[in-house]
Amino acid sequence: MALILVVDDSQVQKIVMQKLLIEMKHKIILVSDGNQAYERALECLPDLILMDIMMPDCNGFQATRAIRKDPRVASIPIIMVSTKSLDIDKYWAEKQGAVGYITKPIDKFKFMHTINNVLEKFKKVQLIDDN
């Protein structure tokens, strides 16, 4: 089980991700913009951040850069979650410090697969083998 910070200004998108993450047995913190994401990351030190790109005030790219610059939270993996699906968007997300990219509308299996891969890669959770 991981603690995952979900950052999105859309209530619907937050609910969609929350349901999937609960199904995966993760704990969730929900916030609505990049400024809140940075503040909550400092407070809670989540295992993973799911970051929307297009948000008012502080967008996902700005918040990701702020998190990457702060040594207290710089090692938290960030997956960008966005309707933007061009290769340049994914490239730009990586340049800001994102380690993964999920496009909306969210495909349940790709979503779960990406999250599991990132958590395993960064050794944020102990995966349980059912065998």
Protein backbone atom coordinates (compact mmCIF):
# COMPACT_ATOMS: atom_id res chain seq x y z
CA MET A 1 0.00 0.00 0.00
CA ALA A 2 1.28 3.42 -0.98
CA LEU A 3 0.28 6.96 -0.10
CA ILE A 4 -0.57 8.71 -3.37
CA LEU A 5 -1.15 12.44 -3.84
CA VAL A 6 -3.67 13.09 -6.63
CA VAL A 7 -3.53 16.60 -8.09
CA ASP A 8 -6.29 17.62 -10.49
CA ASP A 9 -8.67 20.58 -10.74
CA SER A 10 -11.44 18.35 -12.11
CA GLN A 11 -13.59 16.78 -9.40
CA VAL A 12 -14.68 14.06 -11.84
CA GLN A 13 -11.08 13.11 -12.67
CA LYS A 14 -10.17 13.01 -8.98
CA ILE A 15 -13.08 10.65 -8.30
CA VAL A 16 -12.10 8.38 -11.21
CA MET A 17 -8.50 8.13 -9.98
CA GLN A 18 -9.57 7.77 -6.35
CA LYS A 19 -11.81 4.79 -7.16
CA LEU A 20 -9.04 3.03 -9.08
CA LEU A 21 -6.47 3.72 -6.38
CA ILE A 22 -8.79 2.43 -3.65
CA GLU A 23 -9.31 -0.70 -5.74
CA MET A 24 -5.51 -1.03 -5.76
CA LYS A 25 -5.52 -0.69 -1.93
CA HIS A 26 -3.65 2.64 -1.83
CA LYS A 27 -4.22 5.60 0.46
CA ILE A 28 -5.10 8.82 -1.31
CA ILE A 29 -4.76 12.55 -0.72
CA LEU A 30 -6.72 14.80 -3.12
CA VAL A 31 -5.80 18.39 -4.00
CA SER A 32 -6.90 20.78 -6.74
CA ASP A 33 -3.84 22.73 -7.89
CA GLY A 34 -0.08 22.81 -8.08
CA ASN A 35 0.40 25.06 -5.06
CA GLN A 36 -1.59 22.66 -2.89
CA ALA A 37 0.39 19.76 -4.37
CA TYR A 38 3.69 21.24 -3.26
CA GLU A 39 2.39 22.06 0.23
CA ARG A 40 0.82 18.61 0.76
CA ALA A 41 3.91 16.86 -0.59
CA LEU A 42 5.98 18.63 2.08
CA GLU A 43 3.46 17.78 4.81
CA CYS A 44 2.74 14.15 3.94
CA LEU A 45 5.74 12.91 1.93
CA PRO A 46 3.65 10.72 -0.38
CA ASP A 47 5.10 7.68 -2.15
CA LEU A 48 3.85 8.93 -5.53
CA ILE A 49 2.25 12.03 -7.04
CA LEU A 50 -0.28 11.92 -9.91
CA MET A 51 -0.14 15.40 -11.42
CA ASP A 52 -2.55 16.99 -13.91
CA ILE A 53 -0.92 19.50 -16.25
CA MET A 54 -3.63 22.05 -17.03
CA MET A 55 -4.68 23.70 -13.75
CA PRO A 56 -5.31 27.32 -12.74
CA ASP A 57 -2.77 29.36 -10.77
CA CYS A 58 0.06 26.81 -10.64
CA ASN A 59 0.00 24.22 -13.42
CA GLY A 60 1.45 20.72 -13.22
CA PHE A 61 4.72 21.63 -14.92
CA GLN A 62 5.33 24.50 -12.47
CA ALA A 63 4.47 22.32 -9.47
CA THR A 64 6.71 19.50 -10.71
CA ARG A 65 9.64 21.91 -11.10
CA ALA A 66 9.07 23.27 -7.58
CA ILE A 67 8.99 19.76 -6.12
CA ARG A 68 12.14 18.73 -8.00
CA LYS A 69 14.02 21.79 -6.68
CA ASP A 70 13.23 21.02 -3.02
CA PRO A 71 15.52 18.33 -1.58
CA ARG A 72 12.88 17.37 1.00
CA VAL A 73 10.54 16.08 -1.71
CA ALA A 74 12.68 15.88 -4.86
CA SER A 75 12.86 12.08 -4.84
CA ILE A 76 9.08 11.54 -4.89
CA PRO A 77 8.15 10.08 -8.29
CA ILE A 78 5.65 12.10 -10.30
CA ILE A 79 3.39 10.74 -13.03
CA MET A 80 1.73 13.34 -15.22
CA VAL A 81 -1.96 12.66 -15.99
CA SER A 82 -3.32 14.76 -18.83
CA THR A 83 -5.57 15.03 -21.87
CA LYS A 84 -2.49 16.32 -23.70
CA SER A 85 -1.27 13.32 -25.68
CA LEU A 86 1.33 14.57 -28.14
CA ASP A 87 4.90 13.29 -27.95
CA ILE A 88 6.08 16.85 -27.24
CA ASP A 89 3.82 16.98 -24.16
CA LYS A 90 5.32 13.74 -22.85
CA TYR A 91 8.83 14.98 -23.64
CA TRP A 92 8.19 18.27 -21.81
CA ALA A 93 6.77 16.40 -18.79
CA GLU A 94 9.93 14.29 -18.63
CA LYS A 95 12.09 17.43 -18.86
CA GLN A 96 10.23 18.86 -15.83
CA GLY A 97 11.01 15.72 -13.83
CA ALA A 98 8.04 13.39 -14.40
CA VAL A 99 8.85 9.67 -14.47
CA GLY A 100 5.65 8.58 -16.21
CA TYR A 101 2.73 9.83 -18.26
CA ILE A 102 -0.91 8.73 -18.34
CA THR A 103 -3.38 10.16 -20.85
CA LYS A 104 -7.03 10.94 -20.17
CA PRO A 105 -9.54 9.48 -20.51
CA ILE A 106 -7.93 7.00 -18.17
CA ASP A 107 -7.65 3.39 -19.26
CA LYS A 108 -7.99 1.34 -16.06
CA PHE A 109 -5.38 -1.28 -16.93
CA LYS A 110 -2.78 1.16 -18.30
CA PHE A 111 -3.32 3.34 -15.22
CA MET A 112 -2.80 0.45 -12.80
CA HIS A 113 0.14 -0.91 -14.78
CA THR A 114 1.92 2.47 -14.88
CA ILE A 115 1.42 3.08 -11.17
CA ASN A 116 2.62 -0.41 -10.20
CA ASN A 117 5.68 -0.08 -12.44
CA VAL A 118 6.67 3.31 -11.02
CA LEU A 119 6.13 2.22 -7.41
CA GLU A 120 8.19 -0.93 -8.01
CA LYS A 121 10.93 0.97 -9.84
CA PHE A 122 11.27 3.46 -7.01
CA LYS A 123 10.79 0.74 -4.36
CA LYS A 124 8.04 2.71 -2.68
CA VAL A 125 5.94 -0.31 -1.77
CA GLN A 126 6.48 -3.97 -1.13
CA LEU A 127 4.50 -5.83 -3.77
CA ILE A 128 2.79 -8.94 -2.46
CA ASP A 129 3.16 -12.13 -4.45
CA ASP A 130 -0.09 -14.16 -4.37
CA ASN A 131 1.67 -17.43 -5.25
